[in-house]
Amino acid sequence: MTRISDCFARARSENRAVLVTYLMAGDPTPETTLDVLKGLPAAGADIIELGAPFTDPMADGPAIQLAGQRALAAGMTMRGVLDMTRRFRETDQTTPIVVMGYYNPIYAFGVDAFLAAAREAGVDGLIVVDLPPEEDAELCLPAQSAGLDFIRLATPTTDDVRLPTVLTNTSGFVYYVSITGVTGAASADPALVGPAVGRIKQATDLPVCVGFGVKSPDNARDIAAVADGVVVGSAIVNRLGGGESSDQVLGFVRSLADGVRSART
């Protein structure tokens, strides 16, 4: 069992979905990120995605692109992301941390060195959006050998021919992108998400979490009714970018958690 599998097992025992929250490491400052990061579990976040800023974030919309620019301007690096995880682990040994980003910073770090450092820091999984399954030998398989889950994205355009390839070697959970386009675009439509999640679950025993387009507690509740997990990123990042305090951001996360937990009552 890993922290990620333990998390989903606990949620199943409570008949609820999990809440996955995203932060860009270093946005707007490393100190602010760490403050929010440490407060997320008590606010109801079950899994935390920690974004690693990159200069060419092709899958991200304006909110997360700007967050990445602010983080880079504040001096955030991949080593800084791992150090932040290490500091989080000083007080929390339970909540899963998934580093989300792009392959170039990992390649520059050195794959073997990065995986060893990530494992030591307390990272549980990776989402690397620009490495397709055809490149599994590059990072996915080494990551799993190092004890890290490698979480893959499926999209509305992932058809029945492509889906088995996407699911091969995926571990932890499947991240279903609810919309075509980038993060923070249109709102997720539960009427479309439900059948898509069902189709994926026919092909895998892994939990399916839904993100891209979940913006409010009501959105989170509706998606939690049809998925194993709900991912919220841009809506949180927008609040940090707009100057809200850590307490205000954590209050919003509490409202998301309330929405997720009310979905099956």
C-alpha atoms as a PDB file:
ATOM      1  CA  MET A   1       0.000   0.000   0.000  1.00  0.00           C
ATOM      2  CA  THR A   2       1.109   3.536  -0.781  1.00  0.00           C
ATOM      3  CA  ARG A   3      -0.115   6.842   0.602  1.00  0.00           C
ATOM      4  CA  ILE A   4      -2.191   7.262  -2.571  1.00  0.00           C
ATOM      5  CA  SER A   5      -3.840   3.840  -2.389  1.00  0.00           C
ATOM      6  CA  ASP A   6      -4.411   4.306   1.356  1.00  0.00           C
ATOM      7  CA  CYS A   7      -6.121   7.617   0.639  1.00  0.00           C
ATOM      8  CA  PHE A   8      -8.577   6.104  -1.827  1.00  0.00           C
ATOM      9  CA  ALA A   9      -9.213   3.149   0.490  1.00  0.00           C
ATOM     10  CA  ARG A  10     -10.161   5.532   3.316  1.00  0.00           C
ATOM     11  CA  ALA A  11     -12.468   7.492   1.030  1.00  0.00           C
ATOM     12  CA  ARG A  12     -14.188   4.319  -0.168  1.00  0.00           C
ATOM     13  CA  SER A  13     -14.754   3.246   3.431  1.00  0.00           C
ATOM     14  CA  GLU A  14     -16.445   6.621   3.996  1.00  0.00           C
ATOM     15  CA  ASN A  15     -18.466   6.375   0.746  1.00  0.00           C
ATOM     16  CA  ARG A  16     -17.053   9.557  -0.710  1.00  0.00           C
ATOM     17  CA  ALA A  17     -14.754  10.889  -3.397  1.00  0.00           C
ATOM     18  CA  VAL A  18     -11.367  12.431  -2.639  1.00  0.00           C
ATOM     19  CA  LEU A  19     -10.481  16.085  -3.083  1.00  0.00           C
ATOM     20  CA  VAL A  20      -7.243  16.708  -4.973  1.00  0.00           C
ATOM     21  CA  THR A  21      -5.929  20.271  -4.765  1.00  0.00           C
ATOM     22  CA  TYR A  22      -3.238  21.884  -6.901  1.00  0.00           C
ATOM     23  CA  LEU A  23      -0.719  24.561  -5.932  1.00  0.00           C
ATOM     24  CA  MET A  24       2.080  26.011  -8.025  1.00  0.00           C
ATOM     25  CA  ALA A  25       5.207  25.726  -5.877  1.00  0.00           C
ATOM     26  CA  GLY A  26       6.589  29.201  -5.254  1.00  0.00           C
ATOM     27  CA  ASP A  27       3.485  31.176  -6.185  1.00  0.00           C
ATOM     28  CA  PRO A  28       3.287  33.952  -5.252  1.00  0.00           C
ATOM     29  CA  THR A  29       6.227  33.277  -2.927  1.00  0.00           C
ATOM     30  CA  PRO A  30       7.739  30.059  -1.579  1.00  0.00           C
ATOM     31  CA  GLU A  31       6.718  31.052   1.943  1.00  0.00           C
ATOM     32  CA  THR A  32       3.083  31.536   0.933  1.00  0.00           C
ATOM     33  CA  THR A  33       2.966  28.223  -0.900  1.00  0.00           C
ATOM     34  CA  LEU A  34       4.377  26.365   2.095  1.00  0.00           C
ATOM     35  CA  ASP A  35       1.914  28.074   4.429  1.00  0.00           C
ATOM     36  CA  VAL A  36      -1.059  27.032   2.267  1.00  0.00           C
ATOM     37  CA  LEU A  37       0.448  23.598   1.624  1.00  0.00           C
ATOM     38  CA  LYS A  38       0.668  22.844   5.334  1.00  0.00           C
ATOM     39  CA  GLY A  39      -2.921  23.987   5.863  1.00  0.00           C
ATOM     40  CA  LEU A  40      -4.499  21.977   3.038  1.00  0.00           C
ATOM     41  CA  PRO A  41      -5.006  18.647   4.861  1.00  0.00           C
ATOM     42  CA  ALA A  42      -6.911  20.269   7.727  1.00  0.00           C
ATOM     43  CA  ALA A  43      -8.989  22.171   5.152  1.00  0.00           C
ATOM     44  CA  GLY A  44     -10.088  18.878   3.598  1.00  0.00           C
ATOM     45  CA  ALA A  45      -7.596  18.199   0.816  1.00  0.00           C
ATOM     46  CA  ASP A  46      -6.958  14.455   0.506  1.00  0.00           C
ATOM     47  CA  ILE A  47      -4.192  14.561  -2.127  1.00  0.00           C
ATOM     48  CA  ILE A  48      -2.002  17.531  -3.051  1.00  0.00           C
ATOM     49  CA  GLU A  49      -0.603  18.193  -6.503  1.00  0.00           C
ATOM     50  CA  LEU A  50       2.441  20.431  -6.267  1.00  0.00           C
ATOM     51  CA  GLY A  51       3.205  22.131  -9.555  1.00  0.00           C
ATOM     52  CA  ALA A  52       6.787  22.490 -10.739  1.00  0.00           C
ATOM     53  CA  PRO A  53       7.048  25.746 -12.721  1.00  0.00           C
ATOM     54  CA  PHE A  54       8.259  25.530 -16.310  1.00  0.00           C
ATOM     55  CA  THR A  55       8.833  28.146 -18.999  1.00  0.00           C
ATOM     56  CA  ASP A  56       6.692  26.387 -21.655  1.00  0.00           C
ATOM     57  CA  PRO A  57       3.625  24.926 -19.899  1.00  0.00           C
ATOM     58  CA  MET A  58       1.710  23.783 -22.970  1.00  0.00           C
ATOM     59  CA  ALA A  59      -1.205  22.092 -21.140  1.00  0.00           C
ATOM     60  CA  ASP A  60      -1.909  24.997 -18.805  1.00  0.00           C
ATOM     61  CA  GLY A  61      -4.251  27.913 -19.214  1.00  0.00           C
ATOM     62  CA  PRO A  62      -3.553  31.552 -18.341  1.00  0.00           C
ATOM     63  CA  ALA A  63      -4.009  31.192 -14.569  1.00  0.00           C
ATOM     64  CA  ILE A  64      -1.434  28.465 -14.099  1.00  0.00           C
ATOM     65  CA  GLN A  65       0.883  29.926 -16.754  1.00  0.00           C
ATOM     66  CA  LEU A  66       0.954  33.186 -14.804  1.00  0.00           C
ATOM     67  CA  ALA A  67       1.432  31.287 -11.551  1.00  0.00           C
ATOM     68  CA  GLY A  68       4.437  29.535 -13.083  1.00  0.00           C
ATOM     69  CA  GLN A  69       5.897  32.859 -14.181  1.00  0.00           C
ATOM     70  CA  ARG A  70       5.475  34.293 -10.692  1.00  0.00           C
ATOM     71  CA  ALA A  71       7.067  31.191  -9.173  1.00  0.00           C
ATOM     72  CA  LEU A  72      10.043  31.313 -11.521  1.00  0.00           C
ATOM     73  CA  ALA A  73      10.464  35.024 -10.788  1.00  0.00           C
ATOM     74  CA  ALA A  74      10.469  34.152  -7.078  1.00  0.00           C
ATOM     75  CA  GLY A  75      13.352  31.740  -7.692  1.00  0.00           C
ATOM     76  CA  MET A  76      11.511  28.413  -7.577  1.00  0.00           C
ATOM     77  CA  THR A  77      13.343  25.426  -9.059  1.00  0.00           C
ATOM     78  CA  MET A  78      12.781  21.690  -9.125  1.00  0.00           C
ATOM     79  CA  ARG A  79      15.104  21.370  -6.143  1.00  0.00           C
ATOM     80  CA  GLY A  80      12.960  23.970  -4.422  1.00  0.00           C
ATOM     81  CA  VAL A  81       9.833  21.889  -5.118  1.00  0.00           C
ATOM     82  CA  LEU A  82      11.444  18.861  -3.482  1.00  0.00           C
ATOM     83  CA  ASP A  83      12.662  20.927  -0.539  1.00  0.00           C
ATOM     84  CA  MET A  84       9.116  22.229  -0.041  1.00  0.00           C
ATOM     85  CA  THR A  85       7.851  18.648  -0.006  1.00  0.00           C
ATOM     86  CA  ARG A  86      10.510  17.723   2.528  1.00  0.00           C
ATOM     87  CA  ARG A  87       9.445  20.573   4.801  1.00  0.00           C
ATOM     88  CA  PHE A  88       5.793  19.531   4.478  1.00  0.00           C
ATOM     89  CA  ARG A  89       6.740  16.006   5.533  1.00  0.00           C
ATOM     90  CA  GLU A  90       8.177  17.345   8.798  1.00  0.00           C
ATOM     91  CA  THR A  91       4.593  17.636  10.076  1.00  0.00           C
ATOM     92  CA  ASP A  92       2.566  15.392   7.730  1.00  0.00           C
ATOM     93  CA  GLN A  93       3.461  11.800   6.917  1.00  0.00           C
ATOM     94  CA  THR A  94       0.007  10.847   5.616  1.00  0.00           C
ATOM     95  CA  THR A  95      -1.188  13.174   2.853  1.00  0.00           C
ATOM     96  CA  PRO A  96      -0.006  12.110  -0.635  1.00  0.00           C
ATOM     97  CA  ILE A  97       2.053  14.607  -2.623  1.00  0.00           C
ATOM     98  CA  VAL A  98       2.092  14.378  -6.426  1.00  0.00           C
ATOM     99  CA  VAL A  99       4.565  16.545  -8.338  1.00  0.00           C
ATOM    100  CA  MET A 100       2.974  17.778 -11.573  1.00  0.00           C
ATOM    101  CA  GLY A 101       4.862  19.368 -14.408  1.00  0.00           C
ATOM    102  CA  TYR A 102       6.932  18.799 -17.515  1.00  0.00           C
ATOM    103  CA  TYR A 103       9.826  16.569 -18.407  1.00  0.00           C
ATOM    104  CA  ASN A 104      12.497  19.158 -19.192  1.00  0.00           C
ATOM    105  CA  PRO A 105      13.244  20.147 -15.555  1.00  0.00           C
ATOM    106  CA  ILE A 106      13.453  16.465 -14.599  1.00  0.00           C
ATOM    107  CA  TYR A 107      15.725  15.694 -17.538  1.00  0.00           C
ATOM    108  CA  ALA A 108      17.955  18.643 -16.601  1.00  0.00           C
ATOM    109  CA  PHE A 109      18.063  17.391 -12.996  1.00  0.00           C
ATOM    110  CA  GLY A 110      18.968  13.885 -14.176  1.00  0.00           C
ATOM    111  CA  VAL A 111      16.313  11.172 -14.067  1.00  0.00           C
ATOM    112  CA  ASP A 112      18.012   8.870 -11.572  1.00  0.00           C
ATOM    113  CA  ALA A 113      19.089  11.728  -9.326  1.00  0.00           C
ATOM    114  CA  PHE A 114      15.619  13.282  -9.459  1.00  0.00           C
ATOM    115  CA  LEU A 115      13.830  10.053  -8.602  1.00  0.00           C
ATOM    116  CA  ALA A 116      16.130   9.367  -5.667  1.00  0.00           C
ATOM    117  CA  ALA A 117      15.708  12.932  -4.377  1.00  0.00           C
ATOM    118  CA  ALA A 118      11.931  12.863  -4.878  1.00  0.00           C
ATOM    119  CA  ARG A 119      11.588   9.599  -2.998  1.00  0.00           C
ATOM    120  CA  GLU A 120      13.763  10.896  -0.152  1.00  0.00           C
ATOM    121  CA  ALA A 121      11.766  14.141   0.037  1.00  0.00           C
ATOM    122  CA  GLY A 122       8.469  12.281   0.409  1.00  0.00           C
ATOM    123  CA  VAL A 123       6.949  12.563  -3.076  1.00  0.00           C
ATOM    124  CA  ASP A 124       4.386   9.844  -3.804  1.00  0.00           C
ATOM    125  CA  GLY A 125       3.681  10.249  -7.495  1.00  0.00           C
ATOM    126  CA  LEU A 126       4.350  12.143 -10.701  1.00  0.00           C
ATOM    127  CA  ILE A 127       2.201  13.673 -13.420  1.00  0.00           C
ATOM    128  CA  VAL A 128       4.353  14.606 -16.405  1.00  0.00           C
ATOM    129  CA  VAL A 129       2.016  15.860 -19.078  1.00  0.00           C
ATOM    130  CA  ASP A 130       4.385  15.914 -22.051  1.00  0.00           C
ATOM    131  CA  LEU A 131       5.644  12.302 -21.881  1.00  0.00           C
ATOM    132  CA  PRO A 132       3.341   9.954 -23.844  1.00  0.00           C
ATOM    133  CA  PRO A 133       3.111   6.213 -23.102  1.00  0.00           C
ATOM    134  CA  GLU A 134       5.441   5.503 -25.994  1.00  0.00           C
ATOM    135  CA  GLU A 135       8.210   7.071 -23.880  1.00  0.00           C
ATOM    136  CA  ASP A 136       7.592   5.017 -20.718  1.00  0.00           C
ATOM    137  CA  ALA A 137      11.189   3.817 -20.583  1.00  0.00           C
ATOM    138  CA  GLU A 138      12.291   7.453 -20.235  1.00  0.00           C
ATOM    139  CA  LEU A 139      10.687   8.148 -16.849  1.00  0.00           C
ATOM    140  CA  CYS A 140       7.517   6.159 -16.102  1.00  0.00           C
ATOM    141  CA  LEU A 141       9.125   2.761 -15.592  1.00  0.00           C
ATOM    142  CA  PRO A 142      12.132   4.113 -13.668  1.00  0.00           C
ATOM    143  CA  ALA A 143       9.753   6.103 -11.448  1.00  0.00           C
ATOM    144  CA  GLN A 144       7.726   3.036 -10.607  1.00  0.00           C
ATOM    145  CA  SER A 145      10.890   1.074  -9.903  1.00  0.00           C
ATOM    146  CA  ALA A 146      11.811   3.851  -7.469  1.00  0.00           C
ATOM    147  CA  GLY A 147       8.459   3.467  -5.669  1.00  0.00           C
ATOM    148  CA  LEU A 148       6.646   6.443  -7.208  1.00  0.00           C
ATOM    149  CA  ASP A 149       3.250   6.225  -8.886  1.00  0.00           C
ATOM    150  CA  PHE A 150       3.085   7.518 -12.452  1.00  0.00           C
ATOM    151  CA  ILE A 151      -0.305   9.085 -13.077  1.00  0.00           C
ATOM    152  CA  ARG A 152      -1.495   9.441 -16.652  1.00  0.00           C
ATOM    153  CA  LEU A 153      -4.061  11.762 -18.193  1.00  0.00           C
ATOM    154  CA  ALA A 154      -7.004  10.599 -20.302  1.00  0.00           C
ATOM    155  CA  THR A 155      -9.066  13.123 -22.257  1.00  0.00           C
ATOM    156  CA  PRO A 156     -12.395  13.345 -24.101  1.00  0.00           C
ATOM    157  CA  THR A 157     -10.482  12.479 -27.273  1.00  0.00           C
ATOM    158  CA  THR A 158      -8.890   9.317 -25.821  1.00  0.00           C
ATOM    159  CA  ASP A 159     -10.898   6.741 -27.761  1.00  0.00           C
ATOM    160  CA  ASP A 160     -11.270   3.009 -27.128  1.00  0.00           C
ATOM    161  CA  VAL A 161      -8.292   2.263 -29.360  1.00  0.00           C
ATOM    162  CA  ARG A 162      -5.961   4.639 -27.528  1.00  0.00           C
ATOM    163  CA  LEU A 163      -7.229   4.072 -23.973  1.00  0.00           C
ATOM    164  CA  PRO A 164      -5.463   0.717 -23.319  1.00  0.00           C
ATOM    165  CA  THR A 165      -2.141   2.311 -24.294  1.00  0.00           C
ATOM    166  CA  VAL A 166      -2.755   5.232 -21.940  1.00  0.00           C
ATOM    167  CA  LEU A 167      -3.616   2.873 -19.087  1.00  0.00           C
ATOM    168  CA  THR A 168      -0.597   0.623 -19.581  1.00  0.00           C
ATOM    169  CA  ASN A 169       1.881   1.291 -16.740  1.00  0.00           C
ATOM    170  CA  THR A 170      -0.371   3.958 -15.206  1.00  0.00           C
ATOM    171  CA  SER A 171      -0.539   3.704 -11.411  1.00  0.00           C
ATOM    172  CA  GLY A 172      -2.006   5.587  -8.452  1.00  0.00           C
ATOM    173  CA  PHE A 173      -5.033   6.930 -10.292  1.00  0.00           C
ATOM    174  CA  VAL A 174      -6.163   8.010 -13.737  1.00  0.00           C
ATOM    175  CA  TYR A 175      -6.574  11.759 -14.207  1.00  0.00           C
ATOM    176  CA  TYR A 176      -9.509  12.396 -16.538  1.00  0.00           C
ATOM    177  CA  VAL A 177      -9.356  15.801 -18.227  1.00  0.00           C
ATOM    178  CA  SER A 178     -13.020  16.766 -18.401  1.00  0.00           C
ATOM    179  CA  ILE A 179     -12.744  19.275 -21.248  1.00  0.00           C
ATOM    180  CA  THR A 180     -10.829  19.674 -24.461  1.00  0.00           C
ATOM    181  CA  GLY A 181      -8.366  22.520 -24.060  1.00  0.00           C
ATOM    182  CA  VAL A 182      -6.190  23.872 -21.295  1.00  0.00           C
ATOM    183  CA  THR A 183      -6.616  24.190 -17.537  1.00  0.00           C
ATOM    184  CA  GLY A 184      -9.046  26.755 -16.240  1.00  0.00           C
ATOM    185  CA  ALA A 185     -11.202  26.858 -19.365  1.00  0.00           C
ATOM    186  CA  ALA A 186     -14.883  25.810 -19.513  1.00  0.00           C
ATOM    187  CA  SER A 187     -16.657  24.225 -16.554  1.00  0.00           C
ATOM    188  CA  ALA A 188     -16.837  20.449 -16.300  1.00  0.00           C
ATOM    189  CA  ASP A 189     -20.210  18.996 -17.320  1.00  0.00           C
ATOM    190  CA  PRO A 190     -21.245  16.078 -15.059  1.00  0.00           C
ATOM    191  CA  ALA A 191     -23.625  14.787 -17.749  1.00  0.00           C
ATOM    192  CA  LEU A 192     -20.627  14.207 -20.002  1.00  0.00           C
ATOM    193  CA  VAL A 193     -18.133  13.298 -17.292  1.00  0.00           C
ATOM    194  CA  GLY A 194     -20.173  10.452 -15.815  1.00  0.00           C
ATOM    195  CA  PRO A 195     -20.239   8.262 -18.943  1.00  0.00           C
ATOM    196  CA  ALA A 196     -16.578   9.047 -19.658  1.00  0.00           C
ATOM    197  CA  VAL A 197     -15.545   7.953 -16.163  1.00  0.00           C
ATOM    198  CA  GLY A 198     -17.628   4.818 -16.539  1.00  0.00           C
ATOM    199  CA  ARG A 199     -15.910   3.956 -19.816  1.00  0.00           C
ATOM    200  CA  ILE A 200     -12.459   4.327 -18.235  1.00  0.00           C
ATOM    201  CA  LYS A 201     -13.451   2.263 -15.195  1.00  0.00           C
ATOM    202  CA  GLN A 202     -14.495  -0.584 -17.480  1.00  0.00           C
ATOM    203  CA  ALA A 203     -10.872  -0.748 -18.614  1.00  0.00           C
ATOM    204  CA  THR A 204      -9.035  -0.351 -15.281  1.00  0.00           C
ATOM    205  CA  ASP A 205      -9.351  -0.964 -11.548  1.00  0.00           C
ATOM    206  CA  LEU A 206      -7.598   2.335 -10.796  1.00  0.00           C
ATOM    207  CA  PRO A 207      -9.539   5.239  -9.289  1.00  0.00           C
ATOM    208  CA  VAL A 208     -10.519   7.959 -11.757  1.00  0.00           C
ATOM    209  CA  CYS A 209     -10.153  11.601 -10.730  1.00  0.00           C
ATOM    210  CA  VAL A 210     -11.623  14.436 -12.777  1.00  0.00           C
ATOM    211  CA  GLY A 211     -10.053  17.842 -13.252  1.00  0.00           C
ATOM    212  CA  PHE A 212      -9.815  20.823 -15.639  1.00  0.00           C
ATOM    213  CA  GLY A 213     -12.959  22.913 -15.236  1.00  0.00           C
ATOM    214  CA  VAL A 214     -13.956  22.362 -11.586  1.00  0.00           C
ATOM    215  CA  LYS A 215     -14.370  25.873 -10.244  1.00  0.00           C
ATOM    216  CA  SER A 216     -16.814  25.882  -7.335  1.00  0.00           C
ATOM    217  CA  PRO A 217     -18.166  23.795  -4.458  1.00  0.00           C
ATOM    218  CA  ASP A 218     -21.234  23.018  -6.573  1.00  0.00           C
ATOM    219  CA  ASN A 219     -19.017  21.820  -9.460  1.00  0.00           C
ATOM    220  CA  ALA A 220     -17.023  19.724  -7.003  1.00  0.00           C
ATOM    221  CA  ARG A 221     -20.176  18.152  -5.550  1.00  0.00           C
ATOM    222  CA  ASP A 222     -21.564  17.268  -8.971  1.00  0.00           C
ATOM    223  CA  ILE A 223     -18.307  15.696 -10.177  1.00  0.00           C
ATOM    224  CA  ALA A 224     -17.789  13.850  -6.876  1.00  0.00           C
ATOM    225  CA  ALA A 225     -21.100  12.093  -7.489  1.00  0.00           C
ATOM    226  CA  VAL A 226     -19.744  10.416 -10.637  1.00  0.00           C
ATOM    227  CA  ALA A 227     -15.977  10.091 -10.033  1.00  0.00           C
ATOM    228  CA  ASP A 228     -13.537   8.741  -7.441  1.00  0.00           C
ATOM    229  CA  GLY A 229     -11.854  12.106  -7.050  1.00  0.00           C
ATOM    230  CA  VAL A 230     -12.184  15.792  -7.931  1.00  0.00           C
ATOM    231  CA  VAL A 231      -9.163  17.904  -8.907  1.00  0.00           C
ATOM    232  CA  VAL A 232      -9.225  21.677  -8.399  1.00  0.00           C
ATOM    233  CA  GLY A 233      -6.322  23.809  -9.570  1.00  0.00           C
ATOM    234  CA  SER A 234      -6.958  27.059 -11.438  1.00  0.00           C
ATOM    235  CA  ALA A 235      -9.724  28.163  -9.052  1.00  0.00           C
ATOM    236  CA  ILE A 236      -7.248  27.952  -6.161  1.00  0.00           C
ATOM    237  CA  VAL A 237      -4.360  29.469  -8.096  1.00  0.00           C
ATOM    238  CA  ASN A 238      -6.542  32.401  -9.183  1.00  0.00           C
ATOM    239  CA  ARG A 239      -7.204  33.258  -5.551  1.00  0.00           C
ATOM    240  CA  LEU A 240      -3.535  33.226  -4.658  1.00  0.00           C
ATOM    241  CA  GLY A 241      -2.736  35.268  -7.750  1.00  0.00           C
ATOM    242  CA  GLY A 242      -5.477  37.721  -6.848  1.00  0.00           C
ATOM    243  CA  GLY A 243      -3.884  38.448  -3.495  1.00  0.00           C
ATOM    244  CA  GLU A 244      -6.105  36.438  -1.169  1.00  0.00           C
ATOM    245  CA  SER A 245      -4.553  35.474   2.143  1.00  0.00           C
ATOM    246  CA  SER A 246      -3.647  31.908   3.042  1.00  0.00           C
ATOM    247  CA  ASP A 247      -6.668  31.779   5.366  1.00  0.00           C
ATOM    248  CA  GLN A 248      -8.992  32.922   2.585  1.00  0.00           C
ATOM    249  CA  VAL A 249      -7.625  30.325   0.174  1.00  0.00           C
ATOM    250  CA  LEU A 250      -7.922  27.585   2.766  1.00  0.00           C
ATOM    251  CA  GLY A 251     -11.487  28.688   3.466  1.00  0.00           C
ATOM    252  CA  PHE A 252     -12.286  28.172  -0.217  1.00  0.00           C
ATOM    253  CA  VAL A 253     -10.716  24.703  -0.052  1.00  0.00           C
ATOM    254  CA  ARG A 254     -12.942  23.896   2.938  1.00  0.00           C
ATOM    255  CA  SER A 255     -15.974  24.831   0.858  1.00  0.00           C
ATOM    256  CA  LEU A 256     -14.766  22.529  -1.933  1.00  0.00           C
ATOM    257  CA  ALA A 257     -14.252  19.704   0.560  1.00  0.00           C
ATOM    258  CA  ASP A 258     -17.768  20.255   1.913  1.00  0.00           C
ATOM    259  CA  GLY A 259     -19.097  20.006  -1.639  1.00  0.00           C
ATOM    260  CA  VAL A 260     -17.204  16.766  -2.320  1.00  0.00           C
ATOM    261  CA  ARG A 261     -18.319  15.205   0.955  1.00  0.00           C
ATOM    262  CA  SER A 262     -21.982  16.107   0.415  1.00  0.00           C
ATOM    263  CA  ALA A 263     -22.193  14.448  -3.007  1.00  0.00           C
ATOM    264  CA  ARG A 264     -23.244  10.994  -1.801  1.00  0.00           C
ATOM    265  CA  THR A 265     -25.174  11.828   1.351  1.00  0.00           C
END
